[in-house]
Amino acid sequence: MIRIEIRKIQVTGAGDTRIISLPKDWAARHQLDKGSNVVIKELSSGELLIYPTENQIEKRITRLRESAHVSRDVLAAYLLGSDIIIIESDKSNSLTKKSNIKKLSRQLVGLEILGETQESIELHFLIDSSSLPNPREYVHRCFSIANQMQSDSITAFLNDDITLAKEVIERDVEVNRLYFLIVRMLKIMVTDKREVSNIKPTTCLDWRMVAAYGENLGDASVEFAKIVKKNPNLRETLSKSTLTKINSLSRMTTEILGESIDSFFAQNVLLAEDLKARIDNQLENVHREIQGDISKHDKEVVWKLSSLLSFFKQLREVAIDIGDLVIANDSST
């Protein structure tokens, strides 16, 4: 229940200082007394937010019972902003999912095991939220890594480089770690008054969407890299002319994806519209040429190379979606 009070402003001294008293029960609840510190934050709306300093703020604690879905529950608690996650076994038995929990904690930035017994594990988020960079930097980094992954996966195909394909697969862990951290940060910024900044909730939603595009881009790159890894010498079924077209399409796609993320952060509608036109006029045409070349082979080769065509289509759709997001934001203002 939200409690609203109206209090008068008092003026002291020469009239330069304005004072307002704090509700007595609120101060007692937070153990505030003479000399205690509080944080005063001005929001973009002009409102003032007052709350106790960090050492007086209760930690967000989540207690979980071990289950078949405990890893999923831990991830959910992390994304929702829990500072401490305690997992306890059921009926005083030993935890049976410890290895799964430990493996997951290594995939989540800032989450460390600080307590462990036979019956429980205690995880703490050890990073001070105020010390983290603006989420925008993480979103940009997440997308940039994923863009390089898709480029490398095509390069692995063109050069029959199995080692590079394996590196793409391994790099997905970094994208996932960044994505989960971004979701956590944005969730707290939107829901926790202590973390309120001058970033609008709608901006947080847009960043979350672009981070998801980056995470999906990474996943698609991993799937294609796995196909390259399982099918060595797949490129040898294609002519040099077709391979040249694939290399050209990959280069243009990587460039357009990079420019799409730039257009998003700059909210450059003209660039977004130009990118969509280039996708229609350049990428689509080269894609059709490659599709025509592949269709001339036997059914088995066409089937194996259909993954390449699907992959390029996914990449184009990501760039189009980001462009649409920029254009939609311009239309709503």
C-alpha atoms as a PDB file:
ATOM      1  CA  MET A   1       0.000   0.000   0.000  1.00  0.00           C
ATOM      2  CA  ILE A   2       1.445   3.373  -1.037  1.00  0.00           C
ATOM      3  CA  ARG A   3       1.402   5.977   1.718  1.00  0.00           C
ATOM      4  CA  ILE A   4       1.298   9.648   0.719  1.00  0.00           C
ATOM      5  CA  GLU A   5       1.906  12.559   3.066  1.00  0.00           C
ATOM      6  CA  ILE A   6       2.013  16.306   2.485  1.00  0.00           C
ATOM      7  CA  ARG A   7       4.615  18.150   4.528  1.00  0.00           C
ATOM      8  CA  LYS A   8       5.483  21.835   4.710  1.00  0.00           C
ATOM      9  CA  ILE A   9       8.920  23.164   3.820  1.00  0.00           C
ATOM     10  CA  GLN A  10      10.683  25.053   6.604  1.00  0.00           C
ATOM     11  CA  VAL A  11      13.144  27.863   5.847  1.00  0.00           C
ATOM     12  CA  THR A  12      16.119  28.532   8.134  1.00  0.00           C
ATOM     13  CA  GLY A  13      18.945  31.047   8.387  1.00  0.00           C
ATOM     14  CA  ALA A  14      18.946  33.741   5.751  1.00  0.00           C
ATOM     15  CA  GLY A  15      16.384  31.845   3.724  1.00  0.00           C
ATOM     16  CA  ASP A  16      18.931  29.880   1.694  1.00  0.00           C
ATOM     17  CA  THR A  17      18.230  26.512   3.363  1.00  0.00           C
ATOM     18  CA  ARG A  18      14.961  24.637   3.025  1.00  0.00           C
ATOM     19  CA  ILE A  19      14.182  21.741   5.347  1.00  0.00           C
ATOM     20  CA  ILE A  20      11.563  18.996   5.365  1.00  0.00           C
ATOM     21  CA  SER A  21      11.193  16.480   8.181  1.00  0.00           C
ATOM     22  CA  LEU A  22      11.203  12.728   7.557  1.00  0.00           C
ATOM     23  CA  PRO A  23       8.307  10.534   8.763  1.00  0.00           C
ATOM     24  CA  LYS A  24       9.193   9.286  12.248  1.00  0.00           C
ATOM     25  CA  ASP A  25       8.093   5.668  11.701  1.00  0.00           C
ATOM     26  CA  TRP A  26      10.003   5.475   8.384  1.00  0.00           C
ATOM     27  CA  ALA A  27      13.183   6.761  10.042  1.00  0.00           C
ATOM     28  CA  ALA A  28      12.774   4.262  12.897  1.00  0.00           C
ATOM     29  CA  ARG A  29      12.168   1.402  10.469  1.00  0.00           C
ATOM     30  CA  HIS A  30      15.450   2.165   8.726  1.00  0.00           C
ATOM     31  CA  GLN A  31      17.289   2.865  11.996  1.00  0.00           C
ATOM     32  CA  LEU A  32      18.003   6.479  11.100  1.00  0.00           C
ATOM     33  CA  ASP A  33      19.050   8.851  13.834  1.00  0.00           C
ATOM     34  CA  LYS A  34      20.991  12.077  14.275  1.00  0.00           C
ATOM     35  CA  GLY A  35      24.048  11.925  12.010  1.00  0.00           C
ATOM     36  CA  SER A  36      22.664   9.180   9.763  1.00  0.00           C
ATOM     37  CA  ASN A  37      23.129   9.640   6.026  1.00  0.00           C
ATOM     38  CA  VAL A  38      20.477   9.406   3.339  1.00  0.00           C
ATOM     39  CA  VAL A  39      20.785   9.567  -0.425  1.00  0.00           C
ATOM     40  CA  ILE A  40      18.869  12.270  -2.314  1.00  0.00           C
ATOM     41  CA  LYS A  41      18.575  11.666  -6.053  1.00  0.00           C
ATOM     42  CA  GLU A  42      16.916  13.957  -8.577  1.00  0.00           C
ATOM     43  CA  LEU A  43      15.038  12.087 -11.297  1.00  0.00           C
ATOM     44  CA  SER A  44      14.624  13.167 -14.906  1.00  0.00           C
ATOM     45  CA  SER A  45      10.995  14.023 -14.062  1.00  0.00           C
ATOM     46  CA  GLY A  46      12.170  16.585 -11.484  1.00  0.00           C
ATOM     47  CA  GLU A  47      11.091  14.423  -8.518  1.00  0.00           C
ATOM     48  CA  LEU A  48      13.394  13.760  -5.574  1.00  0.00           C
ATOM     49  CA  LEU A  49      14.034  10.230  -4.366  1.00  0.00           C
ATOM     50  CA  ILE A  50      15.228   9.752  -0.766  1.00  0.00           C
ATOM     51  CA  TYR A  51      16.527   6.460   0.619  1.00  0.00           C
ATOM     52  CA  PRO A  52      19.053   5.204   3.218  1.00  0.00           C
ATOM     53  CA  THR A  53      22.693   4.746   2.236  1.00  0.00           C
ATOM     54  CA  GLU A  54      23.739   1.301   0.979  1.00  0.00           C
ATOM     55  CA  ASN A  55      25.002   0.034   4.335  1.00  0.00           C
ATOM     56  CA  GLN A  56      21.515   0.537   5.764  1.00  0.00           C
ATOM     57  CA  ILE A  57      19.605  -1.034   2.884  1.00  0.00           C
ATOM     58  CA  GLU A  58      18.441  -4.610   3.230  1.00  0.00           C
ATOM     59  CA  LYS A  59      19.889  -7.077   0.756  1.00  0.00           C
ATOM     60  CA  ARG A  60      17.544  -8.735  -1.727  1.00  0.00           C
ATOM     61  CA  ILE A  61      17.582 -12.347  -0.546  1.00  0.00           C
ATOM     62  CA  THR A  62      15.998 -15.303  -2.352  1.00  0.00           C
ATOM     63  CA  ARG A  63      15.675 -18.712  -0.698  1.00  0.00           C
ATOM     64  CA  LEU A  64      15.192 -21.756  -2.917  1.00  0.00           C
ATOM     65  CA  ARG A  65      14.504 -25.407  -2.302  1.00  0.00           C
ATOM     66  CA  GLU A  66      16.451 -27.850  -4.421  1.00  0.00           C
ATOM     67  CA  SER A  67      14.396 -29.254  -7.281  1.00  0.00           C
ATOM     68  CA  ALA A  68      14.827 -30.617 -10.777  1.00  0.00           C
ATOM     69  CA  HIS A  69      14.630 -27.019 -12.005  1.00  0.00           C
ATOM     70  CA  VAL A  70      16.957 -25.426  -9.432  1.00  0.00           C
ATOM     71  CA  SER A  71      19.345 -24.042 -12.084  1.00  0.00           C
ATOM     72  CA  ARG A  72      16.446 -22.309 -13.797  1.00  0.00           C
ATOM     73  CA  ASP A  73      15.279 -20.911 -10.452  1.00  0.00           C
ATOM     74  CA  VAL A  74      18.761 -19.580  -9.633  1.00  0.00           C
ATOM     75  CA  LEU A  75      18.982 -17.899 -13.039  1.00  0.00           C
ATOM     76  CA  ALA A  76      15.552 -16.318 -12.539  1.00  0.00           C
ATOM     77  CA  ALA A  77      16.572 -14.978  -9.111  1.00  0.00           C
ATOM     78  CA  TYR A  78      19.781 -13.549 -10.598  1.00  0.00           C
ATOM     79  CA  LEU A  79      17.932 -11.833 -13.435  1.00  0.00           C
ATOM     80  CA  LEU A  80      15.394 -10.367 -10.993  1.00  0.00           C
ATOM     81  CA  GLY A  81      18.202  -8.692  -9.033  1.00  0.00           C
ATOM     82  CA  SER A  82      18.721 -10.890  -5.962  1.00  0.00           C
ATOM     83  CA  ASP A  83      21.842  -9.973  -3.982  1.00  0.00           C
ATOM     84  CA  ILE A  84      21.929 -13.279  -2.101  1.00  0.00           C
ATOM     85  CA  ILE A  85      20.568 -16.631  -3.329  1.00  0.00           C
ATOM     86  CA  ILE A  86      20.397 -19.489  -0.833  1.00  0.00           C
ATOM     87  CA  ILE A  87      19.682 -23.007  -2.116  1.00  0.00           C
ATOM     88  CA  GLU A  88      18.747 -25.587   0.501  1.00  0.00           C
ATOM     89  CA  SER A  89      18.179 -29.305   0.131  1.00  0.00           C
ATOM     90  CA  ASP A  90      14.767 -30.791   0.796  1.00  0.00           C
ATOM     91  CA  LYS A  91      14.199 -32.733   4.031  1.00  0.00           C
ATOM     92  CA  SER A  92      17.764 -32.122   5.301  1.00  0.00           C
ATOM     93  CA  ASN A  93      19.317 -34.337   2.643  1.00  0.00           C
ATOM     94  CA  SER A  94      22.572 -33.480   0.882  1.00  0.00           C
ATOM     95  CA  LEU A  95      22.323 -31.284  -2.199  1.00  0.00           C
ATOM     96  CA  THR A  96      22.434 -33.399  -5.356  1.00  0.00           C
ATOM     97  CA  LYS A  97      22.615 -30.532  -7.877  1.00  0.00           C
ATOM     98  CA  LYS A  98      25.753 -28.832  -6.539  1.00  0.00           C
ATOM     99  CA  SER A  99      27.759 -29.332  -9.715  1.00  0.00           C
ATOM    100  CA  ASN A 100      24.944 -27.826 -11.819  1.00  0.00           C
ATOM    101  CA  ILE A 101      24.666 -24.823  -9.505  1.00  0.00           C
ATOM    102  CA  LYS A 102      28.428 -24.246  -9.521  1.00  0.00           C
ATOM    103  CA  LYS A 103      28.553 -24.524 -13.313  1.00  0.00           C
ATOM    104  CA  LEU A 104      25.735 -21.978 -13.646  1.00  0.00           C
ATOM    105  CA  SER A 105      27.381 -19.544 -11.203  1.00  0.00           C
ATOM    106  CA  ARG A 106      30.456 -19.444 -13.447  1.00  0.00           C
ATOM    107  CA  GLN A 107      28.224 -18.312 -16.311  1.00  0.00           C
ATOM    108  CA  LEU A 108      26.743 -15.385 -14.363  1.00  0.00           C
ATOM    109  CA  VAL A 109      28.847 -12.233 -13.955  1.00  0.00           C
ATOM    110  CA  GLY A 110      29.405 -11.237 -10.326  1.00  0.00           C
ATOM    111  CA  LEU A 111      27.787 -14.312  -8.738  1.00  0.00           C
ATOM    112  CA  GLU A 112      30.114 -16.161  -6.368  1.00  0.00           C
ATOM    113  CA  ILE A 113      29.738 -18.993  -3.859  1.00  0.00           C
ATOM    114  CA  LEU A 114      30.446 -17.619  -0.363  1.00  0.00           C
ATOM    115  CA  GLY A 115      28.951 -20.384   1.719  1.00  0.00           C
ATOM    116  CA  GLU A 116      28.617 -24.128   1.246  1.00  0.00           C
ATOM    117  CA  THR A 117      27.571 -27.095   3.395  1.00  0.00           C
ATOM    118  CA  GLN A 118      26.292 -30.558   2.577  1.00  0.00           C
ATOM    119  CA  GLU A 119      22.736 -29.223   2.717  1.00  0.00           C
ATOM    120  CA  SER A 120      23.050 -25.719   1.209  1.00  0.00           C
ATOM    121  CA  ILE A 121      24.889 -23.310  -1.074  1.00  0.00           C
ATOM    122  CA  GLU A 122      24.892 -19.541  -0.622  1.00  0.00           C
ATOM    123  CA  LEU A 123      25.530 -17.353  -3.673  1.00  0.00           C
ATOM    124  CA  HIS A 124      26.303 -13.625  -3.461  1.00  0.00           C
ATOM    125  CA  PHE A 125      26.316 -10.958  -6.157  1.00  0.00           C
ATOM    126  CA  LEU A 126      29.562  -9.192  -5.291  1.00  0.00           C
ATOM    127  CA  ILE A 127      29.608  -6.310  -7.761  1.00  0.00           C
ATOM    128  CA  ASP A 128      28.533  -2.876  -6.527  1.00  0.00           C
ATOM    129  CA  SER A 129      25.825  -1.825  -8.983  1.00  0.00           C
ATOM    130  CA  SER A 130      26.979   1.788  -8.829  1.00  0.00           C
ATOM    131  CA  SER A 131      30.419   0.755 -10.116  1.00  0.00           C
ATOM    132  CA  LEU A 132      29.055  -0.878 -13.259  1.00  0.00           C
ATOM    133  CA  PRO A 133      29.258   1.037 -16.552  1.00  0.00           C
ATOM    134  CA  ASN A 134      26.121   2.264 -18.287  1.00  0.00           C
ATOM    135  CA  PRO A 135      24.212  -0.777 -19.637  1.00  0.00           C
ATOM    136  CA  ARG A 136      24.537   0.781 -23.082  1.00  0.00           C
ATOM    137  CA  GLU A 137      28.230  -0.187 -23.103  1.00  0.00           C
ATOM    138  CA  TYR A 138      27.398  -3.811 -22.331  1.00  0.00           C
ATOM    139  CA  VAL A 139      24.652  -3.920 -24.979  1.00  0.00           C
ATOM    140  CA  HIS A 140      27.065  -2.582 -27.598  1.00  0.00           C
ATOM    141  CA  ARG A 141      29.771  -5.035 -26.560  1.00  0.00           C
ATOM    142  CA  CYS A 142      27.360  -7.992 -26.541  1.00  0.00           C
ATOM    143  CA  PHE A 143      26.153  -7.197 -30.055  1.00  0.00           C
ATOM    144  CA  SER A 144      29.675  -6.523 -31.376  1.00  0.00           C
ATOM    145  CA  ILE A 145      30.959  -9.878 -30.128  1.00  0.00           C
ATOM    146  CA  ALA A 146      27.977 -11.659 -31.687  1.00  0.00           C
ATOM    147  CA  ASN A 147      28.534  -9.830 -34.981  1.00  0.00           C
ATOM    148  CA  GLN A 148      32.161 -10.973 -35.037  1.00  0.00           C
ATOM    149  CA  MET A 149      31.003 -14.516 -34.249  1.00  0.00           C
ATOM    150  CA  GLN A 150      28.732 -14.646 -37.297  1.00  0.00           C
ATOM    151  CA  SER A 151      31.516 -13.262 -39.491  1.00  0.00           C
ATOM    152  CA  ASP A 152      33.979 -15.840 -38.162  1.00  0.00           C
ATOM    153  CA  SER A 153      31.531 -18.700 -38.663  1.00  0.00           C
ATOM    154  CA  ILE A 154      31.224 -17.803 -42.371  1.00  0.00           C
ATOM    155  CA  THR A 155      35.012 -17.464 -42.593  1.00  0.00           C
ATOM    156  CA  ALA A 156      35.336 -20.915 -41.022  1.00  0.00           C
ATOM    157  CA  PHE A 157      33.037 -22.269 -43.744  1.00  0.00           C
ATOM    158  CA  LEU A 158      34.918 -20.535 -46.578  1.00  0.00           C
ATOM    159  CA  ASN A 159      38.340 -21.674 -45.325  1.00  0.00           C
ATOM    160  CA  ASP A 160      37.240 -25.036 -43.959  1.00  0.00           C
ATOM    161  CA  ASP A 161      38.696 -23.862 -40.642  1.00  0.00           C
ATOM    162  CA  ILE A 162      37.429 -26.253 -37.967  1.00  0.00           C
ATOM    163  CA  THR A 163      39.539 -24.563 -35.269  1.00  0.00           C
ATOM    164  CA  LEU A 164      37.846 -21.219 -35.928  1.00  0.00           C
ATOM    165  CA  ALA A 165      34.427 -22.909 -35.870  1.00  0.00           C
ATOM    166  CA  LYS A 166      35.254 -24.303 -32.413  1.00  0.00           C
ATOM    167  CA  GLU A 167      36.322 -20.841 -31.226  1.00  0.00           C
ATOM    168  CA  VAL A 168      32.969 -19.402 -32.332  1.00  0.00           C
ATOM    169  CA  ILE A 169      31.148 -22.057 -30.311  1.00  0.00           C
ATOM    170  CA  GLU A 170      33.255 -21.350 -27.211  1.00  0.00           C
ATOM    171  CA  ARG A 171      32.781 -17.580 -27.513  1.00  0.00           C
ATOM    172  CA  ASP A 172      29.029 -17.922 -27.020  1.00  0.00           C
ATOM    173  CA  VAL A 173      29.586 -18.193 -23.262  1.00  0.00           C
ATOM    174  CA  GLU A 174      30.840 -14.599 -23.188  1.00  0.00           C
ATOM    175  CA  VAL A 175      27.779 -13.351 -25.079  1.00  0.00           C
ATOM    176  CA  ASN A 176      25.455 -15.197 -22.700  1.00  0.00           C
ATOM    177  CA  ARG A 177      27.252 -13.818 -19.615  1.00  0.00           C
ATOM    178  CA  LEU A 178      26.895 -10.282 -20.935  1.00  0.00           C
ATOM    179  CA  TYR A 179      23.266 -10.800 -21.908  1.00  0.00           C
ATOM    180  CA  PHE A 180      22.265 -12.113 -18.482  1.00  0.00           C
ATOM    181  CA  LEU A 181      24.072  -9.215 -16.773  1.00  0.00           C
ATOM    182  CA  ILE A 182      22.326  -6.704 -19.053  1.00  0.00           C
ATOM    183  CA  VAL A 183      18.897  -8.183 -18.261  1.00  0.00           C
ATOM    184  CA  ARG A 184      19.668  -8.045 -14.525  1.00  0.00           C
ATOM    185  CA  MET A 185      20.848  -4.428 -14.690  1.00  0.00           C
ATOM    186  CA  LEU A 186      17.877  -3.241 -16.734  1.00  0.00           C
ATOM    187  CA  LYS A 187      15.382  -5.120 -14.544  1.00  0.00           C
ATOM    188  CA  ILE A 188      16.750  -3.449 -11.414  1.00  0.00           C
ATOM    189  CA  MET A 189      16.825  -0.027 -13.067  1.00  0.00           C
ATOM    190  CA  VAL A 190      13.151  -0.295 -13.974  1.00  0.00           C
ATOM    191  CA  THR A 191      11.803  -1.868 -10.764  1.00  0.00           C
ATOM    192  CA  ASP A 192      14.109  -0.797  -7.912  1.00  0.00           C
ATOM    193  CA  LYS A 193      13.822   2.856  -6.880  1.00  0.00           C
ATOM    194  CA  ARG A 194      17.341   2.734  -5.454  1.00  0.00           C
ATOM    195  CA  GLU A 195      18.731   2.245  -8.959  1.00  0.00           C
ATOM    196  CA  VAL A 196      16.598   4.862 -10.726  1.00  0.00           C
ATOM    197  CA  SER A 197      18.581   6.930 -13.226  1.00  0.00           C
ATOM    198  CA  ASN A 198      17.827   9.441 -15.938  1.00  0.00           C
ATOM    199  CA  ILE A 199      17.398   6.573 -18.407  1.00  0.00           C
ATOM    200  CA  LYS A 200      13.769   6.187 -19.419  1.00  0.00           C
ATOM    201  CA  PRO A 201      12.024   2.804 -18.929  1.00  0.00           C
ATOM    202  CA  THR A 202      11.258   2.726 -22.665  1.00  0.00           C
ATOM    203  CA  THR A 203      14.984   3.077 -23.374  1.00  0.00           C
ATOM    204  CA  CYS A 204      15.669   0.161 -21.032  1.00  0.00           C
ATOM    205  CA  LEU A 205      13.139  -1.908 -22.975  1.00  0.00           C
ATOM    206  CA  ASP A 206      14.820  -1.013 -26.286  1.00  0.00           C
ATOM    207  CA  TRP A 207      18.239  -1.951 -24.911  1.00  0.00           C
ATOM    208  CA  ARG A 208      16.839  -5.256 -23.688  1.00  0.00           C
ATOM    209  CA  MET A 209      15.478  -5.990 -27.171  1.00  0.00           C
ATOM    210  CA  VAL A 210      18.776  -5.167 -28.895  1.00  0.00           C
ATOM    211  CA  ALA A 211      20.691  -7.267 -26.353  1.00  0.00           C
ATOM    212  CA  ALA A 212      18.299 -10.134 -27.163  1.00  0.00           C
ATOM    213  CA  TYR A 213      19.014  -9.644 -30.887  1.00  0.00           C
ATOM    214  CA  GLY A 214      22.713  -9.938 -30.083  1.00  0.00           C
ATOM    215  CA  GLU A 215      22.172 -13.065 -27.992  1.00  0.00           C
ATOM    216  CA  ASN A 216      20.079 -14.628 -30.787  1.00  0.00           C
ATOM    217  CA  LEU A 217      22.768 -13.670 -33.284  1.00  0.00           C
ATOM    218  CA  GLY A 218      25.335 -15.485 -31.167  1.00  0.00           C
ATOM    219  CA  ASP A 219      23.138 -18.581 -30.903  1.00  0.00           C
ATOM    220  CA  ALA A 220      22.586 -18.650 -34.686  1.00  0.00           C
ATOM    221  CA  SER A 221      26.348 -18.315 -35.234  1.00  0.00           C
ATOM    222  CA  VAL A 222      26.993 -21.261 -32.913  1.00  0.00           C
ATOM    223  CA  GLU A 223      24.482 -23.443 -34.756  1.00  0.00           C
ATOM    224  CA  PHE A 224      26.114 -22.712 -38.120  1.00  0.00           C
ATOM    225  CA  ALA A 225      29.607 -23.208 -36.664  1.00  0.00           C
ATOM    226  CA  LYS A 226      28.500 -26.643 -35.435  1.00  0.00           C
ATOM    227  CA  ILE A 227      27.378 -27.526 -38.971  1.00  0.00           C
ATOM    228  CA  VAL A 228      30.769 -26.410 -40.334  1.00  0.00           C
ATOM    229  CA  LYS A 229      32.508 -28.502 -37.675  1.00  0.00           C
ATOM    230  CA  LYS A 230      30.464 -31.625 -38.500  1.00  0.00           C
ATOM    231  CA  ASN A 231      30.767 -31.236 -42.290  1.00  0.00           C
ATOM    232  CA  PRO A 232      34.415 -30.641 -43.249  1.00  0.00           C
ATOM    233  CA  ASN A 233      35.156 -29.766 -46.881  1.00  0.00           C
ATOM    234  CA  LEU A 234      31.556 -28.623 -47.414  1.00  0.00           C
ATOM    235  CA  ARG A 235      32.784 -25.625 -49.390  1.00  0.00           C
ATOM    236  CA  GLU A 236      34.446 -27.881 -51.976  1.00  0.00           C
ATOM    237  CA  THR A 237      31.051 -28.607 -53.537  1.00  0.00           C
ATOM    238  CA  LEU A 238      30.820 -24.942 -54.649  1.00  0.00           C
ATOM    239  CA  SER A 239      32.555 -23.095 -57.467  1.00  0.00           C
ATOM    240  CA  LYS A 240      35.062 -20.301 -56.878  1.00  0.00           C
ATOM    241  CA  SER A 241      32.505 -17.847 -58.248  1.00  0.00           C
ATOM    242  CA  THR A 242      29.900 -18.893 -55.689  1.00  0.00           C
ATOM    243  CA  LEU A 243      32.441 -18.801 -52.850  1.00  0.00           C
ATOM    244  CA  THR A 244      33.382 -15.271 -53.898  1.00  0.00           C
ATOM    245  CA  LYS A 245      29.716 -14.262 -53.726  1.00  0.00           C
ATOM    246  CA  ILE A 246      29.380 -15.811 -50.264  1.00  0.00           C
ATOM    247  CA  ASN A 247      32.459 -13.923 -49.074  1.00  0.00           C
ATOM    248  CA  SER A 248      31.053 -10.686 -50.497  1.00  0.00           C
ATOM    249  CA  LEU A 249      27.653 -11.255 -48.875  1.00  0.00           C
ATOM    250  CA  SER A 250      29.316 -11.998 -45.534  1.00  0.00           C
ATOM    251  CA  ARG A 251      31.374  -8.801 -45.690  1.00  0.00           C
ATOM    252  CA  MET A 252      28.333  -6.654 -46.554  1.00  0.00           C
ATOM    253  CA  THR A 253      26.223  -8.329 -43.874  1.00  0.00           C
ATOM    254  CA  THR A 254      28.841  -7.740 -41.165  1.00  0.00           C
ATOM    255  CA  GLU A 255      29.108  -4.099 -42.215  1.00  0.00           C
ATOM    256  CA  ILE A 256      25.348  -3.570 -42.203  1.00  0.00           C
ATOM    257  CA  LEU A 257      24.926  -5.235 -38.804  1.00  0.00           C
ATOM    258  CA  GLY A 258      27.635  -2.967 -37.380  1.00  0.00           C
ATOM    259  CA  GLU A 259      25.994   0.116 -38.847  1.00  0.00           C
ATOM    260  CA  SER A 260      22.576  -0.987 -37.610  1.00  0.00           C
ATOM    261  CA  ILE A 261      23.742  -0.954 -33.988  1.00  0.00           C
ATOM    262  CA  ASP A 262      25.330   2.468 -34.597  1.00  0.00           C
ATOM    263  CA  SER A 263      22.054   3.775 -36.030  1.00  0.00           C
ATOM    264  CA  PHE A 264      20.232   2.457 -32.966  1.00  0.00           C
ATOM    265  CA  PHE A 265      22.392   4.188 -30.370  1.00  0.00           C
ATOM    266  CA  ALA A 266      22.472   7.392 -32.425  1.00  0.00           C
ATOM    267  CA  GLN A 267      18.718   7.029 -33.152  1.00  0.00           C
ATOM    268  CA  ASN A 268      19.646   7.903 -36.732  1.00  0.00           C
ATOM    269  CA  VAL A 269      16.480   7.281 -38.735  1.00  0.00           C
ATOM    270  CA  LEU A 270      18.052   8.236 -42.067  1.00  0.00           C
ATOM    271  CA  LEU A 271      20.827   5.670 -41.572  1.00  0.00           C
ATOM    272  CA  ALA A 272      18.314   3.016 -40.506  1.00  0.00           C
ATOM    273  CA  GLU A 273      16.226   3.622 -43.620  1.00  0.00           C
ATOM    274  CA  ASP A 274      19.350   3.566 -45.810  1.00  0.00           C
ATOM    275  CA  LEU A 275      20.411   0.245 -44.286  1.00  0.00           C
ATOM    276  CA  LYS A 276      17.008  -1.294 -44.977  1.00  0.00           C
ATOM    277  CA  ALA A 277      17.240  -0.125 -48.600  1.00  0.00           C
ATOM    278  CA  ARG A 278      20.711  -1.658 -48.920  1.00  0.00           C
ATOM    279  CA  ILE A 279      19.402  -4.924 -47.534  1.00  0.00           C
ATOM    280  CA  ASP A 280      16.638  -4.968 -50.163  1.00  0.00           C
ATOM    281  CA  ASN A 281      18.819  -3.838 -53.067  1.00  0.00           C
ATOM    282  CA  GLN A 282      22.166  -5.485 -52.311  1.00  0.00           C
ATOM    283  CA  LEU A 283      21.957  -8.317 -49.806  1.00  0.00           C
ATOM    284  CA  GLU A 284      18.760  -9.798 -51.203  1.00  0.00           C
ATOM    285  CA  ASN A 285      20.137  -9.781 -54.764  1.00  0.00           C
ATOM    286  CA  VAL A 286      23.409 -11.505 -53.838  1.00  0.00           C
ATOM    287  CA  HIS A 287      21.480 -13.987 -51.684  1.00  0.00           C
ATOM    288  CA  ARG A 288      19.277 -14.916 -54.653  1.00  0.00           C
ATOM    289  CA  GLU A 289      22.335 -15.413 -56.855  1.00  0.00           C
ATOM    290  CA  ILE A 290      23.920 -17.760 -54.291  1.00  0.00           C
ATOM    291  CA  GLN A 291      20.619 -19.613 -53.900  1.00  0.00           C
ATOM    292  CA  GLY A 292      20.464 -20.060 -57.686  1.00  0.00           C
ATOM    293  CA  ASP A 293      24.019 -21.416 -57.794  1.00  0.00           C
ATOM    294  CA  ILE A 294      23.326 -23.898 -54.993  1.00  0.00           C
ATOM    295  CA  SER A 295      20.063 -25.088 -56.569  1.00  0.00           C
ATOM    296  CA  LYS A 296      22.039 -26.452 -59.551  1.00  0.00           C
ATOM    297  CA  HIS A 297      23.607 -29.154 -57.370  1.00  0.00           C
ATOM    298  CA  ASP A 298      22.069 -32.483 -56.367  1.00  0.00           C
ATOM    299  CA  LYS A 299      19.527 -32.698 -53.571  1.00  0.00           C
ATOM    300  CA  GLU A 300      22.019 -33.799 -50.899  1.00  0.00           C
ATOM    301  CA  VAL A 301      24.279 -30.784 -51.494  1.00  0.00           C
ATOM    302  CA  VAL A 302      21.275 -28.432 -51.610  1.00  0.00           C
ATOM    303  CA  TRP A 303      20.047 -29.843 -48.305  1.00  0.00           C
ATOM    304  CA  LYS A 304      23.452 -29.448 -46.611  1.00  0.00           C
ATOM    305  CA  LEU A 305      23.892 -25.877 -47.853  1.00  0.00           C
ATOM    306  CA  SER A 306      20.351 -24.795 -46.972  1.00  0.00           C
ATOM    307  CA  SER A 307      21.693 -24.006 -43.492  1.00  0.00           C
ATOM    308  CA  LEU A 308      23.996 -21.378 -45.024  1.00  0.00           C
ATOM    309  CA  LEU A 309      21.098 -19.669 -46.789  1.00  0.00           C
ATOM    310  CA  SER A 310      18.955 -19.802 -43.631  1.00  0.00           C
ATOM    311  CA  PHE A 311      21.816 -18.325 -41.614  1.00  0.00           C
ATOM    312  CA  PHE A 312      22.198 -15.359 -43.957  1.00  0.00           C
ATOM    313  CA  LYS A 313      18.432 -14.812 -43.793  1.00  0.00           C
ATOM    314  CA  GLN A 314      18.564 -14.706 -39.977  1.00  0.00           C
ATOM    315  CA  LEU A 315      21.356 -12.133 -40.097  1.00  0.00           C
ATOM    316  CA  ARG A 316      19.386  -9.886 -42.425  1.00  0.00           C
ATOM    317  CA  GLU A 317      16.306 -10.127 -40.212  1.00  0.00           C
ATOM    318  CA  VAL A 318      18.300  -8.953 -37.181  1.00  0.00           C
ATOM    319  CA  ALA A 319      19.478  -5.857 -39.059  1.00  0.00           C
ATOM    320  CA  ILE A 320      15.927  -5.191 -40.303  1.00  0.00           C
ATOM    321  CA  ASP A 321      14.462  -5.553 -36.799  1.00  0.00           C
ATOM    322  CA  ILE A 322      16.932  -3.042 -35.357  1.00  0.00           C
ATOM    323  CA  GLY A 323      16.184  -0.618 -38.178  1.00  0.00           C
ATOM    324  CA  ASP A 324      12.460  -0.979 -37.556  1.00  0.00           C
ATOM    325  CA  LEU A 325      13.052  -0.237 -33.869  1.00  0.00           C
ATOM    326  CA  VAL A 326      14.852   3.014 -34.699  1.00  0.00           C
ATOM    327  CA  ILE A 327      12.132   4.072 -37.164  1.00  0.00           C
ATOM    328  CA  ALA A 328       9.357   3.171 -34.692  1.00  0.00           C
ATOM    329  CA  ASN A 329      10.984   5.289 -31.969  1.00  0.00           C
ATOM    330  CA  ASP A 330      11.086   8.249 -34.338  1.00  0.00           C
ATOM    331  CA  SER A 331       7.405   7.791 -35.205  1.00  0.00           C
ATOM    332  CA  SER A 332       6.395   7.751 -31.527  1.00  0.00           C
ATOM    333  CA  THR A 333       8.058  11.079 -30.684  1.00  0.00           C
END
